[in-house]
Amino acid sequence: MAKRGKKYRAAAEQIEAGKIYEVDGAIELVKKTATAKFDETIEMHVRLGVDPKYNDQQVRGAVVLPNGTGKSKRVLVFAKGEKVQDAEQAGADYVGSDDLVEKIKGGWFDFDVAIATPDMMGVVGRLGKLLGPRGLMPNPKLGTVTPDLPKAIAEQKAGKIEYRTDKAGNIHCPIGKASFEDAKLKENYQTLLDTLIRVKPAAAKGQYVKAITLSATMGPGVPVVLP
């Protein structure tokens, strides 16, 4: 196990062993333990009572956080014809088709999210092995394959995040920055939690939300009281 630094150990000492904090106290504490020189991301980790190896128990989707994440996303759009102008006017950082495909094949990944119009998926499909493992492949379920480019781009710029269970049934998502006001972090936290509860798979049995933890990028986890 890697040895923790002095700052991490000092932060961990502020968390009372065995205590589970109300969300307001957890947010206050996790901000207090964010002592890095940069504006740390506040992350929400949720352990769900699902078994992701079964398709009907996978939890995956996207949600727009009301206060954003504090990070400006670089949006790439695969489009052609009049849709190119729509994407550019909506604020896309990169717009193209075959030219972008070749650029990505050459090892360029200087973007955070990829959006495509439905008619471009035949072209984009050639990048499946490159975009898929990086979580960048456009997906209609996530709203990133759509004819409505202005809406999709606006949502990404406003703070749309994707959530997906890992192999152990955990969700890991950013909900803001340490510089955010407590109320804004709480609103983002509640929006994500409400969304996860709403999309509970019908096949999930027993306790659904099993644990919630908040942490800063470089800080220890703070357990939160379950809803």
C-alpha atoms as a PDB file:
ATOM      1  CA  MET A   1       0.000   0.000   0.000  1.00  0.00           C
ATOM      2  CA  ALA A   2       1.339   3.420  -0.939  1.00  0.00           C
ATOM      3  CA  LYS A   3       2.412   5.592   1.958  1.00  0.00           C
ATOM      4  CA  ARG A   4       0.227   8.667   2.390  1.00  0.00           C
ATOM      5  CA  GLY A   5       1.720  12.133   2.576  1.00  0.00           C
ATOM      6  CA  LYS A   6       1.616  14.452   5.610  1.00  0.00           C
ATOM      7  CA  LYS A   7      -1.209  16.582   4.191  1.00  0.00           C
ATOM      8  CA  TYR A   8      -3.390  13.539   3.545  1.00  0.00           C
ATOM      9  CA  ARG A   9      -2.764  12.126   7.025  1.00  0.00           C
ATOM     10  CA  ALA A  10      -3.511  15.515   8.609  1.00  0.00           C
ATOM     11  CA  ALA A  11      -6.751  15.731   6.637  1.00  0.00           C
ATOM     12  CA  ALA A  12      -7.740  12.173   7.565  1.00  0.00           C
ATOM     13  CA  GLU A  13      -7.280  12.992  11.262  1.00  0.00           C
ATOM     14  CA  GLN A  14     -10.110  15.545  10.971  1.00  0.00           C
ATOM     15  CA  ILE A  15     -12.576  12.777  10.093  1.00  0.00           C
ATOM     16  CA  GLU A  16     -13.986  11.106  13.165  1.00  0.00           C
ATOM     17  CA  ALA A  17     -13.495   7.337  12.971  1.00  0.00           C
ATOM     18  CA  GLY A  18     -16.739   5.431  12.588  1.00  0.00           C
ATOM     19  CA  LYS A  19     -18.839   8.563  12.156  1.00  0.00           C
ATOM     20  CA  ILE A  20     -21.226   8.983   9.239  1.00  0.00           C
ATOM     21  CA  TYR A  21     -21.886  12.649   8.496  1.00  0.00           C
ATOM     22  CA  GLU A  22     -25.028  14.466   7.452  1.00  0.00           C
ATOM     23  CA  VAL A  23     -24.523  15.842   3.940  1.00  0.00           C
ATOM     24  CA  ASP A  24     -24.047  19.459   5.118  1.00  0.00           C
ATOM     25  CA  GLY A  25     -21.331  18.422   7.547  1.00  0.00           C
ATOM     26  CA  ALA A  26     -19.714  16.135   4.989  1.00  0.00           C
ATOM     27  CA  ILE A  27     -19.507  18.924   2.407  1.00  0.00           C
ATOM     28  CA  GLU A  28     -18.042  21.324   4.958  1.00  0.00           C
ATOM     29  CA  LEU A  29     -15.474  18.740   6.025  1.00  0.00           C
ATOM     30  CA  VAL A  30     -14.486  17.616   2.542  1.00  0.00           C
ATOM     31  CA  LYS A  31     -13.851  21.241   1.550  1.00  0.00           C
ATOM     32  CA  LYS A  32     -11.789  21.718   4.688  1.00  0.00           C
ATOM     33  CA  THR A  33      -9.619  18.724   3.775  1.00  0.00           C
ATOM     34  CA  ALA A  34      -9.006  20.013   0.224  1.00  0.00           C
ATOM     35  CA  THR A  35      -5.619  21.563   0.969  1.00  0.00           C
ATOM     36  CA  ALA A  36      -3.857  21.238  -2.406  1.00  0.00           C
ATOM     37  CA  LYS A  37      -2.560  24.342  -4.163  1.00  0.00           C
ATOM     38  CA  PHE A  38      -5.074  23.877  -6.997  1.00  0.00           C
ATOM     39  CA  ASP A  39      -8.873  23.998  -6.885  1.00  0.00           C
ATOM     40  CA  GLU A  40      -9.620  20.363  -6.101  1.00  0.00           C
ATOM     41  CA  THR A  41     -12.570  18.545  -7.609  1.00  0.00           C
ATOM     42  CA  ILE A  42     -15.187  17.311  -5.147  1.00  0.00           C
ATOM     43  CA  GLU A  43     -16.191  13.763  -6.051  1.00  0.00           C
ATOM     44  CA  MET A  44     -19.220  11.709  -5.067  1.00  0.00           C
ATOM     45  CA  HIS A  45     -18.867   7.944  -4.754  1.00  0.00           C
ATOM     46  CA  VAL A  46     -22.003   5.815  -4.444  1.00  0.00           C
ATOM     47  CA  ARG A  47     -22.019   2.053  -3.813  1.00  0.00           C
ATOM     48  CA  LEU A  48     -25.153   0.521  -5.271  1.00  0.00           C
ATOM     49  CA  GLY A  49     -26.763  -2.818  -4.544  1.00  0.00           C
ATOM     50  CA  VAL A  50     -26.554  -4.017  -8.137  1.00  0.00           C
ATOM     51  CA  ASP A  51     -24.559  -6.649 -10.006  1.00  0.00           C
ATOM     52  CA  PRO A  52     -23.311  -4.937 -13.200  1.00  0.00           C
ATOM     53  CA  LYS A  53     -22.372  -8.240 -14.841  1.00  0.00           C
ATOM     54  CA  TYR A  54     -26.090  -8.553 -15.607  1.00  0.00           C
ATOM     55  CA  ASN A  55     -27.318  -6.139 -18.284  1.00  0.00           C
ATOM     56  CA  ASP A  56     -30.599  -5.505 -16.462  1.00  0.00           C
ATOM     57  CA  GLN A  57     -28.722  -4.283 -13.371  1.00  0.00           C
ATOM     58  CA  GLN A  58     -26.350  -1.849 -15.035  1.00  0.00           C
ATOM     59  CA  VAL A  59     -26.832   1.794 -14.124  1.00  0.00           C
ATOM     60  CA  ARG A  60     -25.722   4.216 -16.802  1.00  0.00           C
ATOM     61  CA  GLY A  61     -26.850   7.602 -18.024  1.00  0.00           C
ATOM     62  CA  ALA A  62     -26.205  11.318 -17.906  1.00  0.00           C
ATOM     63  CA  VAL A  63     -27.473  14.258 -15.879  1.00  0.00           C
ATOM     64  CA  VAL A  64     -27.021  18.022 -16.042  1.00  0.00           C
ATOM     65  CA  LEU A  65     -25.795  19.333 -12.694  1.00  0.00           C
ATOM     66  CA  PRO A  66     -27.556  22.635 -11.890  1.00  0.00           C
ATOM     67  CA  ASN A  67     -24.313  24.355 -10.933  1.00  0.00           C
ATOM     68  CA  GLY A  68     -21.953  22.656 -13.366  1.00  0.00           C
ATOM     69  CA  THR A  69     -18.712  20.930 -12.414  1.00  0.00           C
ATOM     70  CA  GLY A  70     -16.365  23.899 -12.484  1.00  0.00           C
ATOM     71  CA  LYS A  71     -14.608  22.457 -15.530  1.00  0.00           C
ATOM     72  CA  SER A  72     -14.961  23.820 -19.044  1.00  0.00           C
ATOM     73  CA  LYS A  73     -15.501  20.911 -21.441  1.00  0.00           C
ATOM     74  CA  ARG A  74     -13.953  20.783 -24.878  1.00  0.00           C
ATOM     75  CA  VAL A  75     -16.726  19.527 -27.151  1.00  0.00           C
ATOM     76  CA  LEU A  76     -16.053  17.775 -30.453  1.00  0.00           C
ATOM     77  CA  VAL A  77     -18.897  17.282 -32.921  1.00  0.00           C
ATOM     78  CA  PHE A  78     -19.085  14.915 -35.879  1.00  0.00           C
ATOM     79  CA  ALA A  79     -21.391  16.563 -38.421  1.00  0.00           C
ATOM     80  CA  LYS A  80     -21.726  17.539 -42.053  1.00  0.00           C
ATOM     81  CA  GLY A  81     -23.743  19.919 -44.189  1.00  0.00           C
ATOM     82  CA  GLU A  82     -25.839  22.553 -42.427  1.00  0.00           C
ATOM     83  CA  LYS A  83     -25.265  20.799 -39.096  1.00  0.00           C
ATOM     84  CA  VAL A  84     -21.668  22.041 -39.133  1.00  0.00           C
ATOM     85  CA  GLN A  85     -22.839  25.629 -38.831  1.00  0.00           C
ATOM     86  CA  ASP A  86     -25.357  24.653 -36.130  1.00  0.00           C
ATOM     87  CA  ALA A  87     -22.559  23.100 -34.074  1.00  0.00           C
ATOM     88  CA  GLU A  88     -20.172  26.025 -34.540  1.00  0.00           C
ATOM     89  CA  GLN A  89     -22.831  28.582 -33.580  1.00  0.00           C
ATOM     90  CA  ALA A  90     -23.707  26.520 -30.507  1.00  0.00           C
ATOM     91  CA  GLY A  91     -20.130  26.720 -29.243  1.00  0.00           C
ATOM     92  CA  ALA A  92     -18.559  23.408 -30.267  1.00  0.00           C
ATOM     93  CA  ASP A  93     -14.768  23.503 -30.004  1.00  0.00           C
ATOM     94  CA  TYR A  94     -14.147  21.177 -32.947  1.00  0.00           C
ATOM     95  CA  VAL A  95     -16.483  20.253 -35.820  1.00  0.00           C
ATOM     96  CA  GLY A  96     -15.837  17.928 -38.740  1.00  0.00           C
ATOM     97  CA  SER A  97     -16.240  14.438 -40.162  1.00  0.00           C
ATOM     98  CA  ASP A  98     -13.617  12.342 -41.970  1.00  0.00           C
ATOM     99  CA  ASP A  99     -10.939  14.914 -41.160  1.00  0.00           C
ATOM    100  CA  LEU A 100     -11.530  14.435 -37.432  1.00  0.00           C
ATOM    101  CA  VAL A 101     -11.613  10.656 -37.837  1.00  0.00           C
ATOM    102  CA  GLU A 102      -8.147  10.696 -39.402  1.00  0.00           C
ATOM    103  CA  LYS A 103      -6.856  13.086 -36.759  1.00  0.00           C
ATOM    104  CA  ILE A 104      -8.074  10.807 -33.956  1.00  0.00           C
ATOM    105  CA  LYS A 105      -6.632   7.748 -35.699  1.00  0.00           C
ATOM    106  CA  GLY A 106      -3.335   9.609 -35.560  1.00  0.00           C
ATOM    107  CA  GLY A 107      -3.509   9.798 -31.779  1.00  0.00           C
ATOM    108  CA  TRP A 108      -5.229  13.150 -31.158  1.00  0.00           C
ATOM    109  CA  PHE A 109      -7.634  13.211 -28.215  1.00  0.00           C
ATOM    110  CA  ASP A 110      -7.636  16.873 -27.179  1.00  0.00           C
ATOM    111  CA  PHE A 111     -11.342  16.928 -26.262  1.00  0.00           C
ATOM    112  CA  ASP A 112     -13.553  15.891 -23.346  1.00  0.00           C
ATOM    113  CA  VAL A 113     -16.780  14.793 -25.037  1.00  0.00           C
ATOM    114  CA  ALA A 114     -17.783  13.726 -28.540  1.00  0.00           C
ATOM    115  CA  ILE A 115     -21.227  14.348 -30.039  1.00  0.00           C
ATOM    116  CA  ALA A 116     -22.488  13.086 -33.380  1.00  0.00           C
ATOM    117  CA  THR A 117     -25.564  13.432 -35.544  1.00  0.00           C
ATOM    118  CA  PRO A 118     -27.218  10.046 -36.282  1.00  0.00           C
ATOM    119  CA  ASP A 119     -26.153  10.091 -39.939  1.00  0.00           C
ATOM    120  CA  MET A 120     -22.493  10.328 -38.891  1.00  0.00           C
ATOM    121  CA  MET A 121     -22.401   7.129 -36.830  1.00  0.00           C
ATOM    122  CA  GLY A 122     -21.309   5.059 -39.815  1.00  0.00           C
ATOM    123  CA  VAL A 123     -18.186   7.222 -39.966  1.00  0.00           C
ATOM    124  CA  VAL A 124     -17.723   7.473 -36.190  1.00  0.00           C
ATOM    125  CA  GLY A 125     -18.109   3.705 -35.826  1.00  0.00           C
ATOM    126  CA  ARG A 126     -14.642   3.302 -37.326  1.00  0.00           C
ATOM    127  CA  LEU A 127     -13.279   4.854 -34.125  1.00  0.00           C
ATOM    128  CA  GLY A 128     -14.995   2.457 -31.731  1.00  0.00           C
ATOM    129  CA  LYS A 129     -11.784   0.792 -30.530  1.00  0.00           C
ATOM    130  CA  LEU A 130     -10.179   4.174 -29.908  1.00  0.00           C
ATOM    131  CA  LEU A 131     -13.069   6.139 -28.379  1.00  0.00           C
ATOM    132  CA  GLY A 132     -14.820   3.308 -26.534  1.00  0.00           C
ATOM    133  CA  PRO A 133     -12.102   2.502 -23.959  1.00  0.00           C
ATOM    134  CA  ARG A 134     -11.755   6.221 -23.219  1.00  0.00           C
ATOM    135  CA  GLY A 135     -15.472   6.682 -22.636  1.00  0.00           C
ATOM    136  CA  LEU A 136     -15.668   9.089 -25.575  1.00  0.00           C
ATOM    137  CA  MET A 137     -17.846   7.114 -27.997  1.00  0.00           C
ATOM    138  CA  PRO A 138     -21.085   8.993 -28.825  1.00  0.00           C
ATOM    139  CA  ASN A 139     -24.105   7.157 -27.422  1.00  0.00           C
ATOM    140  CA  PRO A 140     -27.821   7.909 -27.982  1.00  0.00           C
ATOM    141  CA  LYS A 141     -28.635   6.846 -24.400  1.00  0.00           C
ATOM    142  CA  LEU A 142     -26.331   9.589 -23.135  1.00  0.00           C
ATOM    143  CA  GLY A 143     -27.690  12.215 -25.482  1.00  0.00           C
ATOM    144  CA  THR A 144     -24.468  12.402 -27.483  1.00  0.00           C
ATOM    145  CA  VAL A 145     -25.985  10.970 -30.662  1.00  0.00           C
ATOM    146  CA  THR A 146     -28.679  13.460 -31.628  1.00  0.00           C
ATOM    147  CA  PRO A 147     -29.905  15.705 -34.457  1.00  0.00           C
ATOM    148  CA  ASP A 148     -30.376  18.516 -31.911  1.00  0.00           C
ATOM    149  CA  LEU A 149     -26.779  19.690 -31.687  1.00  0.00           C
ATOM    150  CA  PRO A 150     -27.435  23.080 -30.010  1.00  0.00           C
ATOM    151  CA  LYS A 151     -29.205  21.381 -27.095  1.00  0.00           C
ATOM    152  CA  ALA A 152     -26.572  18.660 -26.697  1.00  0.00           C
ATOM    153  CA  ILE A 153     -23.684  21.137 -26.812  1.00  0.00           C
ATOM    154  CA  ALA A 154     -25.399  23.512 -24.377  1.00  0.00           C
ATOM    155  CA  GLU A 155     -25.968  20.683 -21.882  1.00  0.00           C
ATOM    156  CA  GLN A 156     -22.331  19.597 -22.040  1.00  0.00           C
ATOM    157  CA  LYS A 157     -21.100  23.155 -21.577  1.00  0.00           C
ATOM    158  CA  ALA A 158     -23.553  23.684 -18.702  1.00  0.00           C
ATOM    159  CA  GLY A 159     -22.244  20.736 -16.691  1.00  0.00           C
ATOM    160  CA  LYS A 160     -23.679  17.486 -18.009  1.00  0.00           C
ATOM    161  CA  ILE A 161     -21.929  14.475 -16.505  1.00  0.00           C
ATOM    162  CA  GLU A 162     -22.123  10.779 -17.266  1.00  0.00           C
ATOM    163  CA  TYR A 163     -22.533   8.134 -14.587  1.00  0.00           C
ATOM    164  CA  ARG A 164     -21.885   4.420 -14.922  1.00  0.00           C
ATOM    165  CA  THR A 165     -21.428   1.560 -12.493  1.00  0.00           C
ATOM    166  CA  ASP A 166     -17.972   0.033 -12.426  1.00  0.00           C
ATOM    167  CA  LYS A 167     -17.422  -3.709 -12.063  1.00  0.00           C
ATOM    168  CA  ALA A 168     -18.115  -3.521  -8.326  1.00  0.00           C
ATOM    169  CA  GLY A 169     -21.360  -1.561  -8.690  1.00  0.00           C
ATOM    170  CA  ASN A 170     -19.886   1.811  -7.716  1.00  0.00           C
ATOM    171  CA  ILE A 171     -20.596   5.205  -9.282  1.00  0.00           C
ATOM    172  CA  HIS A 172     -17.867   7.871  -9.265  1.00  0.00           C
ATOM    173  CA  CYS A 173     -18.776  11.408 -10.389  1.00  0.00           C
ATOM    174  CA  PRO A 174     -17.525  14.974  -9.947  1.00  0.00           C
ATOM    175  CA  ILE A 175     -20.060  17.335  -8.371  1.00  0.00           C
ATOM    176  CA  GLY A 176     -18.060  20.559  -8.358  1.00  0.00           C
ATOM    177  CA  LYS A 177     -14.934  22.237  -7.038  1.00  0.00           C
ATOM    178  CA  ALA A 178     -13.687  23.003  -3.537  1.00  0.00           C
ATOM    179  CA  SER A 179     -14.203  26.691  -4.356  1.00  0.00           C
ATOM    180  CA  PHE A 180     -17.963  26.159  -4.825  1.00  0.00           C
ATOM    181  CA  GLU A 181     -20.366  27.451  -2.204  1.00  0.00           C
ATOM    182  CA  ASP A 182     -21.656  24.700   0.092  1.00  0.00           C
ATOM    183  CA  ALA A 183     -25.216  25.200  -1.157  1.00  0.00           C
ATOM    184  CA  LYS A 184     -24.188  24.693  -4.775  1.00  0.00           C
ATOM    185  CA  LEU A 185     -22.310  21.500  -3.978  1.00  0.00           C
ATOM    186  CA  LYS A 186     -25.302  20.231  -2.029  1.00  0.00           C
ATOM    187  CA  GLU A 187     -27.659  20.978  -4.909  1.00  0.00           C
ATOM    188  CA  ASN A 188     -25.410  19.093  -7.326  1.00  0.00           C
ATOM    189  CA  TYR A 189     -25.094  16.230  -4.826  1.00  0.00           C
ATOM    190  CA  GLN A 190     -28.867  15.974  -4.435  1.00  0.00           C
ATOM    191  CA  THR A 191     -29.456  16.135  -8.194  1.00  0.00           C
ATOM    192  CA  LEU A 192     -27.118  13.219  -8.835  1.00  0.00           C
ATOM    193  CA  LEU A 193     -28.504  11.188  -5.926  1.00  0.00           C
ATOM    194  CA  ASP A 194     -32.114  11.770  -6.996  1.00  0.00           C
ATOM    195  CA  THR A 195     -31.203  10.717 -10.531  1.00  0.00           C
ATOM    196  CA  LEU A 196     -29.543   7.488  -9.401  1.00  0.00           C
ATOM    197  CA  ILE A 197     -32.559   6.606  -7.268  1.00  0.00           C
ATOM    198  CA  ARG A 198     -34.936   7.362 -10.134  1.00  0.00           C
ATOM    199  CA  VAL A 199     -33.090   5.029 -12.542  1.00  0.00           C
ATOM    200  CA  LYS A 200     -32.940   2.102 -10.107  1.00  0.00           C
ATOM    201  CA  PRO A 201     -33.087  -1.090 -12.185  1.00  0.00           C
ATOM    202  CA  ALA A 202     -36.230  -3.154 -11.662  1.00  0.00           C
ATOM    203  CA  ALA A 203     -33.983  -6.217 -11.273  1.00  0.00           C
ATOM    204  CA  ALA A 204     -32.101  -4.710  -8.307  1.00  0.00           C
ATOM    205  CA  LYS A 205     -33.183  -6.406  -5.084  1.00  0.00           C
ATOM    206  CA  GLY A 206     -32.618  -5.475  -1.450  1.00  0.00           C
ATOM    207  CA  GLN A 207     -30.946  -2.254  -0.360  1.00  0.00           C
ATOM    208  CA  TYR A 208     -30.169  -0.122  -3.415  1.00  0.00           C
ATOM    209  CA  VAL A 209     -28.004   2.745  -2.103  1.00  0.00           C
ATOM    210  CA  LYS A 210     -25.497   1.044   0.195  1.00  0.00           C
ATOM    211  CA  ALA A 211     -22.921   3.750   0.836  1.00  0.00           C
ATOM    212  CA  ILE A 212     -22.129   7.347  -0.125  1.00  0.00           C
ATOM    213  CA  THR A 213     -18.744   9.006   0.253  1.00  0.00           C
ATOM    214  CA  LEU A 214     -17.511  12.468  -0.648  1.00  0.00           C
ATOM    215  CA  SER A 215     -13.867  13.291  -1.248  1.00  0.00           C
ATOM    216  CA  ALA A 216     -11.633  15.955  -2.716  1.00  0.00           C
ATOM    217  CA  THR A 217      -9.092  15.076  -5.422  1.00  0.00           C
ATOM    218  CA  MET A 218      -6.226  14.690  -2.969  1.00  0.00           C
ATOM    219  CA  GLY A 219      -8.218  14.168   0.221  1.00  0.00           C
ATOM    220  CA  PRO A 220      -9.694  11.283   2.231  1.00  0.00           C
ATOM    221  CA  GLY A 221     -13.255  10.058   1.903  1.00  0.00           C
ATOM    222  CA  VAL A 222     -16.030  11.393   4.157  1.00  0.00           C
ATOM    223  CA  PRO A 223     -18.946   8.955   4.637  1.00  0.00           C
ATOM    224  CA  VAL A 224     -22.434  10.440   4.248  1.00  0.00           C
ATOM    225  CA  VAL A 225     -25.711   9.417   5.914  1.00  0.00           C
ATOM    226  CA  LEU A 226     -27.869   7.416   3.510  1.00  0.00           C
ATOM    227  CA  PRO A 227     -31.179   8.850   2.283  1.00  0.00           C
END
